[in-house]
């Protein structure tokens, strides 16, 4: 008599725990990351109320920390440091990631964190566009409807800010052309980054630490080169030296950014880029609420309507996308499977 095959309960439970691990890690690290980046870029330091303006220096600090940790993880696990994919593919992810992060930091000079965070909800739009071109994916009409509603909600949120929420870097209201342009750049580059990471994981038998190490190593070289060419390296170091609290904020920011990189890569490899975009929705809602409470950002009634449109559309999409549960085939004594009849 053949032994019965193991049930799928263990596999399902394992996937549930993986999902909890991914969601918990992303929520914790990125919520803290969001609060810290707003504090660094929008809250003045010292008695002279100086603002930290060198966003590329933050990118460099984040990436060098992540690169060192990923290299240590590869060495500790006795895995090879050799690149699995061609180096230029790591560089593509790296360049796109640097542009993503730089646009994100620079946008905080012109728009508030709640505005920026809600605009990030529209990242499913570039993910769909890049997924069509890079992964040859096809999407249903409902997906495009949700994308339209998300764009509408984000537009309302950006175009109707509360009059008292003014950028410390500008004289006018927040909805500046430059700030919105930076957010559009952020969305485009971020969509390419996550989609191309998905393609790398599926096209090569690639370890998470290997991908992170080479991507962040390229980012270190590129961001350091940019700082030197712009003449911002020494002024940034001088600012951090004069303001110890800024140094501690950047160190903590780099730590949680490193943790988020591992959780993001793990989520994309395990669940895919579009699932990662859905997980980010909840994190963004929590971040907006926390920022409004912590930094006192007022929200107009139009912004509340825009937020309801965005999050309502995304959560409806996630609920509709949930696949129906199908019972597994029963096993006969000889090990062959027989279909389970439905209950009339």
C-alpha atoms as a PDB file:
ATOM      1  CA  UNK A   1       0.000   0.000   0.000  1.00  0.00           C
ATOM      2  CA  UNK A   2       1.392   3.375  -0.993  1.00  0.00           C
ATOM      3  CA  UNK A   3       1.862   5.965   1.707  1.00  0.00           C
ATOM      4  CA  UNK A   4      -0.527   8.935   1.527  1.00  0.00           C
ATOM      5  CA  UNK A   5       0.964  12.114   0.158  1.00  0.00           C
ATOM      6  CA  UNK A   6       1.424  14.986   2.612  1.00  0.00           C
ATOM      7  CA  UNK A   7      -1.332  17.584   2.695  1.00  0.00           C
ATOM      8  CA  UNK A   8      -0.851  21.149   1.528  1.00  0.00           C
ATOM      9  CA  UNK A   9      -1.650  22.603   4.973  1.00  0.00           C
ATOM     10  CA  UNK A  10       2.026  22.865   5.839  1.00  0.00           C
ATOM     11  CA  UNK A  11       2.801  24.697   2.599  1.00  0.00           C
ATOM     12  CA  UNK A  12      -0.091  27.117   3.108  1.00  0.00           C
ATOM     13  CA  UNK A  13       0.902  27.805   6.706  1.00  0.00           C
ATOM     14  CA  UNK A  14       4.486  28.398   5.638  1.00  0.00           C
ATOM     15  CA  UNK A  15       3.334  30.919   3.017  1.00  0.00           C
ATOM     16  CA  UNK A  16       1.153  32.691   5.587  1.00  0.00           C
ATOM     17  CA  UNK A  17       4.126  33.087   7.916  1.00  0.00           C
ATOM     18  CA  UNK A  18       6.231  34.352   5.011  1.00  0.00           C
ATOM     19  CA  UNK A  19       3.525  36.921   4.266  1.00  0.00           C
ATOM     20  CA  UNK A  20       3.377  38.038   7.913  1.00  0.00           C
ATOM     21  CA  UNK A  21       7.170  38.326   7.954  1.00  0.00           C
ATOM     22  CA  UNK A  22       7.209  40.396   4.754  1.00  0.00           C
ATOM     23  CA  UNK A  23       4.350  42.719   5.767  1.00  0.00           C
ATOM     24  CA  UNK A  24       5.644  43.211   9.322  1.00  0.00           C
ATOM     25  CA  UNK A  25       9.178  43.939   8.137  1.00  0.00           C
ATOM     26  CA  UNK A  26       8.140  46.415   5.465  1.00  0.00           C
ATOM     27  CA  UNK A  27       5.642  48.187   7.725  1.00  0.00           C
ATOM     28  CA  UNK A  28       8.073  48.600  10.620  1.00  0.00           C
ATOM     29  CA  UNK A  29      11.160  49.684   8.683  1.00  0.00           C
ATOM     30  CA  UNK A  30       9.485  51.958   6.147  1.00  0.00           C
ATOM     31  CA  UNK A  31       7.184  53.737   8.595  1.00  0.00           C
ATOM     32  CA  UNK A  32      10.232  54.628  10.718  1.00  0.00           C
ATOM     33  CA  UNK A  33      12.129  55.471   7.520  1.00  0.00           C
ATOM     34  CA  UNK A  34       9.393  57.864   6.411  1.00  0.00           C
ATOM     35  CA  UNK A  35       9.311  59.733   9.712  1.00  0.00           C
ATOM     36  CA  UNK A  36      13.101  60.073   9.756  1.00  0.00           C
ATOM     37  CA  UNK A  37      13.437  61.277   6.168  1.00  0.00           C
ATOM     38  CA  UNK A  38      10.829  63.984   6.756  1.00  0.00           C
ATOM     39  CA  UNK A  39      12.602  65.050   9.936  1.00  0.00           C
ATOM     40  CA  UNK A  40      15.996  65.266   8.201  1.00  0.00           C
ATOM     41  CA  UNK A  41      14.792  67.127   5.111  1.00  0.00           C
ATOM     42  CA  UNK A  42      12.126  69.432   6.599  1.00  0.00           C
ATOM     43  CA  UNK A  43      13.036  70.096  10.258  1.00  0.00           C
ATOM     44  CA  UNK A  44      15.871  72.595  10.915  1.00  0.00           C
ATOM     45  CA  UNK A  45      18.872  71.736  13.080  1.00  0.00           C
ATOM     46  CA  UNK A  46      20.714  73.859  15.642  1.00  0.00           C
ATOM     47  CA  UNK A  47      20.097  77.289  17.082  1.00  0.00           C
ATOM     48  CA  UNK A  48      20.527  78.860  13.628  1.00  0.00           C
ATOM     49  CA  UNK A  49      17.730  76.693  12.185  1.00  0.00           C
ATOM     50  CA  UNK A  50      19.811  75.198   9.367  1.00  0.00           C
ATOM     51  CA  UNK A  51      18.247  72.747   6.909  1.00  0.00           C
ATOM     52  CA  UNK A  52      20.048  69.664   5.625  1.00  0.00           C
ATOM     53  CA  UNK A  53      19.990  69.971   1.815  1.00  0.00           C
ATOM     54  CA  UNK A  54      22.312  67.201   0.556  1.00  0.00           C
ATOM     55  CA  UNK A  55      19.912  64.415  -0.400  1.00  0.00           C
ATOM     56  CA  UNK A  56      22.537  62.469  -2.383  1.00  0.00           C
ATOM     57  CA  UNK A  57      24.609  62.160   0.805  1.00  0.00           C
ATOM     58  CA  UNK A  58      21.681  60.337   2.417  1.00  0.00           C
ATOM     59  CA  UNK A  59      21.579  57.972  -0.554  1.00  0.00           C
ATOM     60  CA  UNK A  60      25.310  57.299  -0.172  1.00  0.00           C
ATOM     61  CA  UNK A  61      25.041  56.603   3.566  1.00  0.00           C
ATOM     62  CA  UNK A  62      22.071  54.281   3.063  1.00  0.00           C
ATOM     63  CA  UNK A  63      23.709  52.307   0.269  1.00  0.00           C
ATOM     64  CA  UNK A  64      27.144  51.905   1.853  1.00  0.00           C
ATOM     65  CA  UNK A  65      25.499  50.533   5.011  1.00  0.00           C
ATOM     66  CA  UNK A  66      23.349  48.114   3.020  1.00  0.00           C
ATOM     67  CA  UNK A  67      26.302  47.012   0.887  1.00  0.00           C
ATOM     68  CA  UNK A  68      28.449  46.262   3.947  1.00  0.00           C
ATOM     69  CA  UNK A  69      25.667  44.278   5.643  1.00  0.00           C
ATOM     70  CA  UNK A  70      24.872  42.235   2.508  1.00  0.00           C
ATOM     71  CA  UNK A  71      28.561  41.456   1.955  1.00  0.00           C
ATOM     72  CA  UNK A  72      28.856  40.309   5.568  1.00  0.00           C
ATOM     73  CA  UNK A  73      25.781  38.107   5.139  1.00  0.00           C
ATOM     74  CA  UNK A  74      27.240  36.459   2.025  1.00  0.00           C
ATOM     75  CA  UNK A  75      30.559  35.799   3.757  1.00  0.00           C
ATOM     76  CA  UNK A  76      28.912  34.526   6.935  1.00  0.00           C
ATOM     77  CA  UNK A  77      26.769  32.080   4.955  1.00  0.00           C
ATOM     78  CA  UNK A  78      29.857  31.036   2.922  1.00  0.00           C
ATOM     79  CA  UNK A  79      28.196  31.966  -0.340  1.00  0.00           C
ATOM     80  CA  UNK A  80      30.110  33.198  -3.355  1.00  0.00           C
ATOM     81  CA  UNK A  81      30.488  36.911  -3.947  1.00  0.00           C
ATOM     82  CA  UNK A  82      30.641  36.381  -7.706  1.00  0.00           C
ATOM     83  CA  UNK A  83      27.868  38.125  -9.668  1.00  0.00           C
ATOM     84  CA  UNK A  84      25.141  35.794 -10.922  1.00  0.00           C
ATOM     85  CA  UNK A  85      23.829  38.144 -13.617  1.00  0.00           C
ATOM     86  CA  UNK A  86      25.819  40.443 -15.925  1.00  0.00           C
ATOM     87  CA  UNK A  87      27.122  43.430 -13.978  1.00  0.00           C
ATOM     88  CA  UNK A  88      25.366  45.940 -16.243  1.00  0.00           C
ATOM     89  CA  UNK A  89      21.999  44.569 -15.102  1.00  0.00           C
ATOM     90  CA  UNK A  90      22.894  45.270 -11.477  1.00  0.00           C
ATOM     91  CA  UNK A  91      23.941  48.757 -12.584  1.00  0.00           C
ATOM     92  CA  UNK A  92      20.582  49.352 -14.275  1.00  0.00           C
ATOM     93  CA  UNK A  93      18.780  48.609 -11.000  1.00  0.00           C
ATOM     94  CA  UNK A  94      21.322  50.722  -9.140  1.00  0.00           C
ATOM     95  CA  UNK A  95      20.978  53.800 -11.363  1.00  0.00           C
ATOM     96  CA  UNK A  96      17.188  53.564 -11.269  1.00  0.00           C
ATOM     97  CA  UNK A  97      17.234  53.122  -7.482  1.00  0.00           C
ATOM     98  CA  UNK A  98      19.498  56.151  -6.969  1.00  0.00           C
ATOM     99  CA  UNK A  99      17.248  58.315  -9.144  1.00  0.00           C
ATOM    100  CA  UNK A 100      14.209  56.998  -7.247  1.00  0.00           C
ATOM    101  CA  UNK A 101      15.627  57.840  -3.826  1.00  0.00           C
ATOM    102  CA  UNK A 102      17.032  61.219  -4.905  1.00  0.00           C
ATOM    103  CA  UNK A 103      13.676  62.284  -6.368  1.00  0.00           C
ATOM    104  CA  UNK A 104      12.011  61.140  -3.147  1.00  0.00           C
ATOM    105  CA  UNK A 105      14.285  63.196  -0.883  1.00  0.00           C
ATOM    106  CA  UNK A 106      14.265  66.258  -3.147  1.00  0.00           C
ATOM    107  CA  UNK A 107      10.460  66.197  -3.430  1.00  0.00           C
ATOM    108  CA  UNK A 108      10.202  66.622   0.345  1.00  0.00           C
ATOM    109  CA  UNK A 109      11.617  70.124  -0.127  1.00  0.00           C
ATOM    110  CA  UNK A 110       8.500  71.111  -2.072  1.00  0.00           C
ATOM    111  CA  UNK A 111       5.664  68.829  -0.936  1.00  0.00           C
ATOM    112  CA  UNK A 112       4.764  67.532   2.496  1.00  0.00           C
ATOM    113  CA  UNK A 113       5.237  63.911   3.485  1.00  0.00           C
ATOM    114  CA  UNK A 114       1.476  63.086   3.368  1.00  0.00           C
ATOM    115  CA  UNK A 115       1.277  64.468  -0.191  1.00  0.00           C
ATOM    116  CA  UNK A 116       4.366  62.517  -1.224  1.00  0.00           C
ATOM    117  CA  UNK A 117       3.221  59.319   0.453  1.00  0.00           C
ATOM    118  CA  UNK A 118      -0.241  59.308  -1.102  1.00  0.00           C
ATOM    119  CA  UNK A 119       1.315  59.968  -4.506  1.00  0.00           C
ATOM    120  CA  UNK A 120       3.366  56.796  -3.971  1.00  0.00           C
ATOM    121  CA  UNK A 121       0.118  54.828  -4.062  1.00  0.00           C
ATOM    122  CA  UNK A 122       0.109  55.492  -7.803  1.00  0.00           C
ATOM    123  CA  UNK A 123       3.221  53.308  -8.161  1.00  0.00           C
ATOM    124  CA  UNK A 124       0.994  50.479  -9.439  1.00  0.00           C
ATOM    125  CA  UNK A 125       0.582  52.522 -12.642  1.00  0.00           C
ATOM    126  CA  UNK A 126       4.293  52.483 -13.636  1.00  0.00           C
ATOM    127  CA  UNK A 127       4.543  48.879 -12.369  1.00  0.00           C
ATOM    128  CA  UNK A 128       1.816  47.938 -14.861  1.00  0.00           C
ATOM    129  CA  UNK A 129       3.467  49.914 -17.662  1.00  0.00           C
ATOM    130  CA  UNK A 130       6.929  48.488 -17.031  1.00  0.00           C
ATOM    131  CA  UNK A 131       5.452  45.018 -16.478  1.00  0.00           C
ATOM    132  CA  UNK A 132       3.892  45.186 -19.948  1.00  0.00           C
ATOM    133  CA  UNK A 133       7.171  46.160 -21.631  1.00  0.00           C
ATOM    134  CA  UNK A 134       9.699  44.209 -19.538  1.00  0.00           C
ATOM    135  CA  UNK A 135       7.772  41.118 -18.378  1.00  0.00           C
ATOM    136  CA  UNK A 136       5.241  40.981 -21.265  1.00  0.00           C
ATOM    137  CA  UNK A 137       2.403  40.884 -18.733  1.00  0.00           C
ATOM    138  CA  UNK A 138      -1.230  41.630 -19.567  1.00  0.00           C
ATOM    139  CA  UNK A 139      -3.724  43.309 -17.249  1.00  0.00           C
ATOM    140  CA  UNK A 140      -7.513  43.321 -17.120  1.00  0.00           C
ATOM    141  CA  UNK A 141      -9.823  46.269 -17.605  1.00  0.00           C
ATOM    142  CA  UNK A 142     -10.534  46.399 -13.867  1.00  0.00           C
ATOM    143  CA  UNK A 143      -6.814  46.945 -13.203  1.00  0.00           C
ATOM    144  CA  UNK A 144      -6.810  49.975 -15.492  1.00  0.00           C
ATOM    145  CA  UNK A 145      -9.988  51.284 -13.804  1.00  0.00           C
ATOM    146  CA  UNK A 146      -8.288  51.078 -10.408  1.00  0.00           C
ATOM    147  CA  UNK A 147      -5.217  52.811 -11.848  1.00  0.00           C
ATOM    148  CA  UNK A 148      -7.434  55.651 -13.129  1.00  0.00           C
ATOM    149  CA  UNK A 149      -9.171  56.052  -9.748  1.00  0.00           C
ATOM    150  CA  UNK A 150      -5.840  56.054  -7.918  1.00  0.00           C
ATOM    151  CA  UNK A 151      -4.531  58.749 -10.278  1.00  0.00           C
ATOM    152  CA  UNK A 152      -7.708  60.793  -9.749  1.00  0.00           C
ATOM    153  CA  UNK A 153      -7.474  60.522  -5.965  1.00  0.00           C
ATOM    154  CA  UNK A 154      -3.782  61.437  -5.945  1.00  0.00           C
ATOM    155  CA  UNK A 155      -4.440  64.437  -8.197  1.00  0.00           C
ATOM    156  CA  UNK A 156      -7.161  65.717  -5.842  1.00  0.00           C
ATOM    157  CA  UNK A 157      -4.871  65.239  -2.835  1.00  0.00           C
ATOM    158  CA  UNK A 158      -2.013  67.166  -4.469  1.00  0.00           C
ATOM    159  CA  UNK A 159      -4.053  69.977  -6.036  1.00  0.00           C
ATOM    160  CA  UNK A 160      -6.098  70.882  -2.935  1.00  0.00           C
ATOM    161  CA  UNK A 161      -3.666  71.108   0.010  1.00  0.00           C
ATOM    162  CA  UNK A 162      -4.521  72.808   3.278  1.00  0.00           C
ATOM    163  CA  UNK A 163      -3.479  76.439   2.983  1.00  0.00           C
ATOM    164  CA  UNK A 164      -1.352  76.401   6.136  1.00  0.00           C
ATOM    165  CA  UNK A 165       0.874  73.465   5.066  1.00  0.00           C
ATOM    166  CA  UNK A 166       3.739  75.362   3.451  1.00  0.00           C
ATOM    167  CA  UNK A 167       7.079  74.016   2.314  1.00  0.00           C
ATOM    168  CA  UNK A 168      10.074  75.431   4.218  1.00  0.00           C
ATOM    169  CA  UNK A 169      11.926  75.734   0.902  1.00  0.00           C
ATOM    170  CA  UNK A 170       9.336  77.732  -1.009  1.00  0.00           C
ATOM    171  CA  UNK A 171       7.136  80.778  -0.676  1.00  0.00           C
ATOM    172  CA  UNK A 172       3.998  79.411  -2.288  1.00  0.00           C
ATOM    173  CA  UNK A 173       1.646  76.546  -1.696  1.00  0.00           C
ATOM    174  CA  UNK A 174       2.836  73.000  -1.957  1.00  0.00           C
ATOM    175  CA  UNK A 175       1.545  72.054  -5.381  1.00  0.00           C
ATOM    176  CA  UNK A 176       4.606  73.354  -7.215  1.00  0.00           C
ATOM    177  CA  UNK A 177       5.403  72.093 -10.694  1.00  0.00           C
ATOM    178  CA  UNK A 178       8.889  71.064  -9.592  1.00  0.00           C
ATOM    179  CA  UNK A 179       7.639  69.059  -6.617  1.00  0.00           C
ATOM    180  CA  UNK A 180       5.057  67.215  -8.716  1.00  0.00           C
ATOM    181  CA  UNK A 181       7.666  66.602 -11.449  1.00  0.00           C
ATOM    182  CA  UNK A 182       9.982  65.023  -8.876  1.00  0.00           C
ATOM    183  CA  UNK A 183       7.176  62.740  -7.714  1.00  0.00           C
ATOM    184  CA  UNK A 184       6.443  61.695 -11.310  1.00  0.00           C
ATOM    185  CA  UNK A 185      10.139  60.908 -11.720  1.00  0.00           C
ATOM    186  CA  UNK A 186      10.093  58.950  -8.477  1.00  0.00           C
ATOM    187  CA  UNK A 187       7.110  56.847  -9.601  1.00  0.00           C
ATOM    188  CA  UNK A 188       8.618  56.081 -13.012  1.00  0.00           C
ATOM    189  CA  UNK A 189      12.037  55.062 -11.713  1.00  0.00           C
ATOM    190  CA  UNK A 190      10.603  53.134  -8.756  1.00  0.00           C
ATOM    191  CA  UNK A 191       8.273  51.157 -11.021  1.00  0.00           C
ATOM    192  CA  UNK A 192      11.204  50.207 -13.249  1.00  0.00           C
ATOM    193  CA  UNK A 193      13.341  49.217 -10.238  1.00  0.00           C
ATOM    194  CA  UNK A 194      10.848  46.774  -8.708  1.00  0.00           C
ATOM    195  CA  UNK A 195       9.844  45.293 -12.081  1.00  0.00           C
ATOM    196  CA  UNK A 196      13.436  44.775 -13.232  1.00  0.00           C
ATOM    197  CA  UNK A 197      14.300  43.240  -9.839  1.00  0.00           C
ATOM    198  CA  UNK A 198      11.420  40.827 -10.383  1.00  0.00           C
ATOM    199  CA  UNK A 199      12.853  39.945 -13.808  1.00  0.00           C
ATOM    200  CA  UNK A 200      16.336  39.360 -12.354  1.00  0.00           C
ATOM    201  CA  UNK A 201      15.017  37.018  -9.655  1.00  0.00           C
ATOM    202  CA  UNK A 202      12.984  35.031 -12.168  1.00  0.00           C
ATOM    203  CA  UNK A 203      15.629  34.997 -14.901  1.00  0.00           C
ATOM    204  CA  UNK A 204      18.553  33.947 -12.687  1.00  0.00           C
ATOM    205  CA  UNK A 205      18.913  31.658  -9.694  1.00  0.00           C
ATOM    206  CA  UNK A 206      19.847  34.664  -7.581  1.00  0.00           C
ATOM    207  CA  UNK A 207      20.226  34.978  -3.819  1.00  0.00           C
ATOM    208  CA  UNK A 208      18.671  38.051  -2.199  1.00  0.00           C
ATOM    209  CA  UNK A 209      21.976  39.119  -0.623  1.00  0.00           C
ATOM    210  CA  UNK A 210      23.804  38.759  -3.947  1.00  0.00           C
ATOM    211  CA  UNK A 211      21.373  41.048  -5.717  1.00  0.00           C
ATOM    212  CA  UNK A 212      21.408  43.603  -2.908  1.00  0.00           C
ATOM    213  CA  UNK A 213      25.203  43.589  -2.603  1.00  0.00           C
ATOM    214  CA  UNK A 214      25.969  44.355  -6.250  1.00  0.00           C
ATOM    215  CA  UNK A 215      23.097  46.819  -6.630  1.00  0.00           C
ATOM    216  CA  UNK A 216      24.063  48.828  -3.546  1.00  0.00           C
ATOM    217  CA  UNK A 217      27.790  48.601  -4.367  1.00  0.00           C
ATOM    218  CA  UNK A 218      27.109  50.246  -7.723  1.00  0.00           C
ATOM    219  CA  UNK A 219      24.930  52.803  -5.940  1.00  0.00           C
ATOM    220  CA  UNK A 220      27.785  53.635  -3.548  1.00  0.00           C
ATOM    221  CA  UNK A 221      30.175  54.359  -6.409  1.00  0.00           C
ATOM    222  CA  UNK A 222      27.653  56.391  -8.370  1.00  0.00           C
ATOM    223  CA  UNK A 223      26.386  58.452  -5.422  1.00  0.00           C
ATOM    224  CA  UNK A 224      29.919  59.161  -4.170  1.00  0.00           C
ATOM    225  CA  UNK A 225      30.924  60.266  -7.670  1.00  0.00           C
ATOM    226  CA  UNK A 226      27.909  62.560  -7.823  1.00  0.00           C
ATOM    227  CA  UNK A 227      28.727  64.110  -4.445  1.00  0.00           C
ATOM    228  CA  UNK A 228      32.319  64.803  -5.472  1.00  0.00           C
ATOM    229  CA  UNK A 229      31.380  66.257  -8.863  1.00  0.00           C
ATOM    230  CA  UNK A 230      28.719  68.525  -7.316  1.00  0.00           C
ATOM    231  CA  UNK A 231      31.046  69.611  -4.500  1.00  0.00           C
ATOM    232  CA  UNK A 232      28.529  68.500  -1.848  1.00  0.00           C
ATOM    233  CA  UNK A 233      30.584  65.844  -0.034  1.00  0.00           C
ATOM    234  CA  UNK A 234      32.585  68.131   2.280  1.00  0.00           C
ATOM    235  CA  UNK A 235      29.647  70.488   3.065  1.00  0.00           C
ATOM    236  CA  UNK A 236      27.494  67.476   3.977  1.00  0.00           C
ATOM    237  CA  UNK A 237      30.198  66.042   6.260  1.00  0.00           C
ATOM    238  CA  UNK A 238      30.680  69.472   7.856  1.00  0.00           C
ATOM    239  CA  UNK A 239      26.942  69.804   8.511  1.00  0.00           C
ATOM    240  CA  UNK A 240      26.765  66.373  10.149  1.00  0.00           C
ATOM    241  CA  UNK A 241      29.899  67.150  12.204  1.00  0.00           C
ATOM    242  CA  UNK A 242      28.340  70.377  13.538  1.00  0.00           C
ATOM    243  CA  UNK A 243      24.975  68.769  14.305  1.00  0.00           C
ATOM    244  CA  UNK A 244      25.293  65.530  16.250  1.00  0.00           C
ATOM    245  CA  UNK A 245      21.539  64.983  16.258  1.00  0.00           C
ATOM    246  CA  UNK A 246      21.592  65.018  12.461  1.00  0.00           C
ATOM    247  CA  UNK A 247      24.362  62.391  12.522  1.00  0.00           C
ATOM    248  CA  UNK A 248      22.235  60.152  14.750  1.00  0.00           C
ATOM    249  CA  UNK A 249      19.194  60.628  12.504  1.00  0.00           C
ATOM    250  CA  UNK A 250      21.192  59.683   9.390  1.00  0.00           C
ATOM    251  CA  UNK A 251      22.722  56.650  11.132  1.00  0.00           C
ATOM    252  CA  UNK A 252      19.285  55.436  12.213  1.00  0.00           C
ATOM    253  CA  UNK A 253      17.877  56.193   8.747  1.00  0.00           C
ATOM    254  CA  UNK A 254      20.634  54.108   7.124  1.00  0.00           C
ATOM    255  CA  UNK A 255      19.935  51.240   9.537  1.00  0.00           C
ATOM    256  CA  UNK A 256      16.211  51.033   8.811  1.00  0.00           C
ATOM    257  CA  UNK A 257      16.853  51.635   5.089  1.00  0.00           C
ATOM    258  CA  UNK A 258      19.156  48.613   5.093  1.00  0.00           C
ATOM    259  CA  UNK A 259      16.523  46.511   6.804  1.00  0.00           C
ATOM    260  CA  UNK A 260      13.860  47.678   4.345  1.00  0.00           C
ATOM    261  CA  UNK A 261      16.049  46.722   1.366  1.00  0.00           C
ATOM    262  CA  UNK A 262      16.192  43.119   2.560  1.00  0.00           C
ATOM    263  CA  UNK A 263      12.443  42.979   3.252  1.00  0.00           C
ATOM    264  CA  UNK A 264      11.639  44.564  -0.130  1.00  0.00           C
ATOM    265  CA  UNK A 265      13.882  42.171  -2.078  1.00  0.00           C
ATOM    266  CA  UNK A 266      12.511  39.213  -0.104  1.00  0.00           C
ATOM    267  CA  UNK A 267       8.913  40.281  -0.838  1.00  0.00           C
ATOM    268  CA  UNK A 268       9.513  40.870  -4.551  1.00  0.00           C
ATOM    269  CA  UNK A 269      11.275  37.525  -4.929  1.00  0.00           C
ATOM    270  CA  UNK A 270       8.623  35.587  -2.952  1.00  0.00           C
ATOM    271  CA  UNK A 271       5.401  37.327  -4.013  1.00  0.00           C
ATOM    272  CA  UNK A 272       6.225  39.510  -7.071  1.00  0.00           C
ATOM    273  CA  UNK A 273       6.302  43.239  -7.820  1.00  0.00           C
ATOM    274  CA  UNK A 274       2.536  43.876  -7.944  1.00  0.00           C
ATOM    275  CA  UNK A 275       1.964  42.135  -4.599  1.00  0.00           C
ATOM    276  CA  UNK A 276       4.747  44.288  -3.158  1.00  0.00           C
ATOM    277  CA  UNK A 277       2.920  47.395  -4.437  1.00  0.00           C
ATOM    278  CA  UNK A 278      -0.257  46.212  -2.695  1.00  0.00           C
ATOM    279  CA  UNK A 279       1.568  45.636   0.605  1.00  0.00           C
ATOM    280  CA  UNK A 280       2.939  49.164   0.409  1.00  0.00           C
ATOM    281  CA  UNK A 281      -0.604  50.584   0.351  1.00  0.00           C
ATOM    282  CA  UNK A 282      -1.250  49.870   4.016  1.00  0.00           C
ATOM    283  CA  UNK A 283       2.181  51.147   4.987  1.00  0.00           C
ATOM    284  CA  UNK A 284       1.469  54.421   3.203  1.00  0.00           C
ATOM    285  CA  UNK A 285      -1.849  54.884   4.985  1.00  0.00           C
ATOM    286  CA  UNK A 286      -0.173  54.361   8.367  1.00  0.00           C
ATOM    287  CA  UNK A 287       2.668  56.716   7.390  1.00  0.00           C
ATOM    288  CA  UNK A 288       0.261  59.505   6.391  1.00  0.00           C
ATOM    289  CA  UNK A 289      -1.658  59.276   9.661  1.00  0.00           C
ATOM    290  CA  UNK A 290       1.556  59.180  11.710  1.00  0.00           C
ATOM    291  CA  UNK A 291       3.055  62.154   9.856  1.00  0.00           C
ATOM    292  CA  UNK A 292      -0.107  64.234  10.301  1.00  0.00           C
ATOM    293  CA  UNK A 293      -0.044  63.569  14.046  1.00  0.00           C
ATOM    294  CA  UNK A 294       3.735  63.834  14.568  1.00  0.00           C
ATOM    295  CA  UNK A 295       4.485  66.898  12.411  1.00  0.00           C
ATOM    296  CA  UNK A 296       1.071  68.583  12.567  1.00  0.00           C
ATOM    297  CA  UNK A 297       0.163  68.497   8.867  1.00  0.00           C
ATOM    298  CA  UNK A 298      -3.437  69.701   8.363  1.00  0.00           C
ATOM    299  CA  UNK A 299      -5.555  67.969   5.709  1.00  0.00           C
ATOM    300  CA  UNK A 300      -8.284  69.745   3.722  1.00  0.00           C
ATOM    301  CA  UNK A 301     -11.645  68.045   3.148  1.00  0.00           C
ATOM    302  CA  UNK A 302     -10.716  67.616  -0.532  1.00  0.00           C
ATOM    303  CA  UNK A 303      -7.595  65.707   0.555  1.00  0.00           C
ATOM    304  CA  UNK A 304      -9.703  63.410   2.729  1.00  0.00           C
ATOM    305  CA  UNK A 305     -11.886  62.662  -0.312  1.00  0.00           C
ATOM    306  CA  UNK A 306      -8.796  61.976  -2.433  1.00  0.00           C
ATOM    307  CA  UNK A 307      -7.385  59.634   0.224  1.00  0.00           C
ATOM    308  CA  UNK A 308     -10.679  57.706   0.442  1.00  0.00           C
ATOM    309  CA  UNK A 309     -10.739  57.299  -3.363  1.00  0.00           C
ATOM    310  CA  UNK A 310      -7.144  56.026  -3.449  1.00  0.00           C
ATOM    311  CA  UNK A 311      -7.239  53.584  -0.549  1.00  0.00           C
ATOM    312  CA  UNK A 312     -10.795  52.445  -1.298  1.00  0.00           C
ATOM    313  CA  UNK A 313      -9.804  51.591  -4.876  1.00  0.00           C
ATOM    314  CA  UNK A 314      -6.653  49.743  -3.839  1.00  0.00           C
ATOM    315  CA  UNK A 315      -8.294  47.708  -1.101  1.00  0.00           C
ATOM    316  CA  UNK A 316     -11.199  46.839  -3.424  1.00  0.00           C
ATOM    317  CA  UNK A 317      -8.685  45.620  -5.978  1.00  0.00           C
ATOM    318  CA  UNK A 318      -6.919  43.481  -3.397  1.00  0.00           C
ATOM    319  CA  UNK A 319     -10.173  41.912  -2.178  1.00  0.00           C
ATOM    320  CA  UNK A 320     -11.389  41.253  -5.724  1.00  0.00           C
ATOM    321  CA  UNK A 321      -8.052  39.747  -6.700  1.00  0.00           C
ATOM    322  CA  UNK A 322      -8.167  37.123  -3.917  1.00  0.00           C
ATOM    323  CA  UNK A 323      -8.418  33.726  -5.699  1.00  0.00           C
ATOM    324  CA  UNK A 324     -11.298  31.421  -4.777  1.00  0.00           C
ATOM    325  CA  UNK A 325     -10.395  28.490  -2.606  1.00  0.00           C
ATOM    326  CA  UNK A 326     -10.423  25.183  -4.496  1.00  0.00           C
ATOM    327  CA  UNK A 327     -10.289  21.880  -2.610  1.00  0.00           C
ATOM    328  CA  UNK A 328      -7.183  19.752  -3.309  1.00  0.00           C
ATOM    329  CA  UNK A 329      -7.674  16.485  -5.211  1.00  0.00           C
ATOM    330  CA  UNK A 330      -8.262  13.435  -3.033  1.00  0.00           C
ATOM    331  CA  UNK A 331      -5.726  10.673  -3.053  1.00  0.00           C
ATOM    332  CA  UNK A 332      -6.669   7.072  -3.746  1.00  0.00           C
ATOM    333  CA  UNK A 333      -4.908   4.178  -2.093  1.00  0.00           C
ATOM    334  CA  UNK A 334      -2.656   3.638  -5.085  1.00  0.00           C
ATOM    335  CA  UNK A 335      -1.551   7.268  -4.987  1.00  0.00           C
ATOM    336  CA  UNK A 336      -3.592   8.445  -7.986  1.00  0.00           C
ATOM    337  CA  UNK A 337      -5.634  11.575  -7.621  1.00  0.00           C
ATOM    338  CA  UNK A 338      -9.378  11.676  -8.154  1.00  0.00           C
ATOM    339  CA  UNK A 339     -11.437  14.850  -8.579  1.00  0.00           C
ATOM    340  CA  UNK A 340     -13.547  15.977  -5.660  1.00  0.00           C
ATOM    341  CA  UNK A 341     -17.213  16.345  -6.533  1.00  0.00           C
ATOM    342  CA  UNK A 342     -18.795  19.643  -5.671  1.00  0.00           C
ATOM    343  CA  UNK A 343     -21.647  19.788  -3.189  1.00  0.00           C
ATOM    344  CA  UNK A 344     -24.930  20.235  -5.101  1.00  0.00           C
END
